[in-house]
């Protein structure tokens, strides 16, 4: 993220580094941080979404409107799913929601 991005993120955390390391929580999740050897270390735990959330990548110069994408965390990485993988994931993760939306 770089320092300029992190300084914007910290605004929402009420200066989390001020006490040398803290664990805080709110309705959105919990986070911990500390400054070790002049390196900013941050961990943010966020509750899973009750419904699917899609990301639309930024528009590329000279290109059309990008299509929304569905990404998942797998281990310590993140990847985009193909449509068939996405539908299987939706069924297994949000079965009740999936049946309600696609049965109408």
Protein backbone atom coordinates (compact mmCIF):
# COMPACT_ATOMS: atom_id res chain seq x y z
CA UNK A 1 0.00 0.00 0.00
CA UNK A 2 2.77 2.43 0.74
CA UNK A 3 2.83 5.07 3.44
CA UNK A 4 0.47 7.59 1.80
CA UNK A 5 -2.26 4.93 1.49
CA UNK A 6 -1.69 3.67 5.05
CA UNK A 7 -1.97 7.20 6.45
CA UNK A 8 -5.43 7.45 4.88
CA UNK A 9 -6.42 4.05 6.29
CA UNK A 10 -5.28 4.98 9.80
CA UNK A 11 -7.68 7.90 9.92
CA UNK A 12 -10.51 5.39 10.37
CA UNK A 13 -8.57 3.53 13.05
CA UNK A 14 -8.25 6.44 15.49
CA UNK A 15 -4.43 6.53 15.27
CA UNK A 16 -3.86 2.82 16.00
CA UNK A 17 -0.07 3.08 16.33
CA UNK A 18 -0.14 5.73 19.05
CA UNK A 19 0.08 3.24 21.91
CA UNK A 20 2.78 1.12 20.24
CA UNK A 21 0.39 -1.67 19.30
CA UNK A 22 -3.24 -2.37 19.99
CA UNK A 23 -6.13 -4.64 19.22
CA UNK A 24 -9.40 -2.90 18.52
CA UNK A 25 -12.74 -4.11 17.24
CA UNK A 26 -16.04 -2.79 15.99
CA UNK A 27 -19.06 -4.05 14.03
CA UNK A 28 -16.98 -4.50 10.85
CA UNK A 29 -14.28 -6.69 12.40
CA UNK A 30 -11.12 -6.40 14.46
CA UNK A 31 -7.61 -5.26 13.75
CA UNK A 32 -4.18 -5.30 15.36
CA UNK A 33 -1.05 -3.37 14.57
CA UNK A 34 2.36 -2.50 15.92
CA UNK A 35 5.55 -0.86 14.78
CA UNK A 36 8.46 -3.31 14.82
CA UNK A 37 11.90 -2.12 13.73
CA UNK A 38 10.38 0.91 11.96
CA UNK A 39 8.10 -1.37 9.90
CA UNK A 40 4.34 -0.97 10.04
CA UNK A 41 2.64 -4.32 10.65
CA UNK A 42 -1.11 -4.53 10.37
CA UNK A 43 -3.63 -7.38 10.57
CA UNK A 44 -7.29 -6.83 9.82
CA UNK A 45 -9.93 -9.50 10.44
CA UNK A 46 -13.23 -8.90 8.66
CA UNK A 47 -16.42 -10.92 9.02
CA UNK A 48 -17.53 -12.76 5.86
CA UNK A 49 -20.23 -11.11 3.78
CA UNK A 50 -23.73 -12.60 4.06
CA UNK A 51 -24.13 -12.16 0.26
CA UNK A 52 -21.72 -12.22 -2.72
CA UNK A 53 -19.74 -9.03 -3.37
CA UNK A 54 -18.31 -8.24 -6.81
CA UNK A 55 -15.44 -5.97 -7.82
CA UNK A 56 -15.33 -3.92 -11.01
CA UNK A 57 -11.72 -3.24 -12.05
CA UNK A 58 -10.74 0.26 -13.16
CA UNK A 59 -11.33 1.17 -16.79
CA UNK A 60 -8.30 0.59 -19.04
CA UNK A 61 -7.30 3.33 -21.52
CA UNK A 62 -8.93 2.72 -24.87
CA UNK A 63 -10.98 -0.20 -23.53
CA UNK A 64 -14.67 -0.59 -22.89
CA UNK A 65 -16.38 -0.88 -19.54
CA UNK A 66 -14.82 -3.70 -17.51
CA UNK A 67 -17.02 -6.57 -16.34
CA UNK A 68 -17.53 -7.18 -12.60
CA UNK A 69 -15.33 -9.95 -11.17
CA UNK A 70 -15.71 -12.29 -8.21
CA UNK A 71 -12.58 -12.91 -6.11
CA UNK A 72 -11.97 -15.26 -3.17
CA UNK A 73 -9.24 -15.67 -0.58
CA UNK A 74 -7.52 -19.05 -0.86
CA UNK A 75 -4.85 -19.68 1.76
CA UNK A 76 -2.67 -16.58 1.80
CA UNK A 77 -3.64 -15.52 -1.74
CA UNK A 78 -6.56 -14.05 -3.65
CA UNK A 79 -7.81 -15.16 -7.05
CA UNK A 80 -10.61 -14.49 -9.51
CA UNK A 81 -13.04 -17.35 -10.17
CA UNK A 82 -14.31 -18.47 -13.57
CA UNK A 83 -18.11 -18.41 -13.94
CA UNK A 84 -18.53 -22.16 -13.31
CA UNK A 85 -16.31 -21.96 -10.21
CA UNK A 86 -18.17 -18.86 -9.02
CA UNK A 87 -21.58 -20.55 -9.28
CA UNK A 88 -20.32 -23.59 -7.34
CA UNK A 89 -18.81 -21.31 -4.70
CA UNK A 90 -22.06 -19.31 -4.42
CA UNK A 91 -24.11 -22.50 -3.99
CA UNK A 92 -21.83 -23.84 -1.26
CA UNK A 93 -21.33 -20.52 0.57
CA UNK A 94 -24.73 -18.81 0.24
CA UNK A 95 -27.09 -21.69 -0.58
CA UNK A 96 -30.26 -20.07 0.80
CA UNK A 97 -29.49 -16.71 -0.85
CA UNK A 98 -28.52 -18.43 -4.12
CA UNK A 99 -31.76 -20.45 -4.30
CA UNK A 100 -33.91 -17.40 -3.52
CA UNK A 101 -32.26 -15.15 -6.14
CA UNK A 102 -32.10 -17.71 -8.95
CA UNK A 103 -35.55 -19.26 -8.42
CA UNK A 104 -37.40 -15.97 -9.07
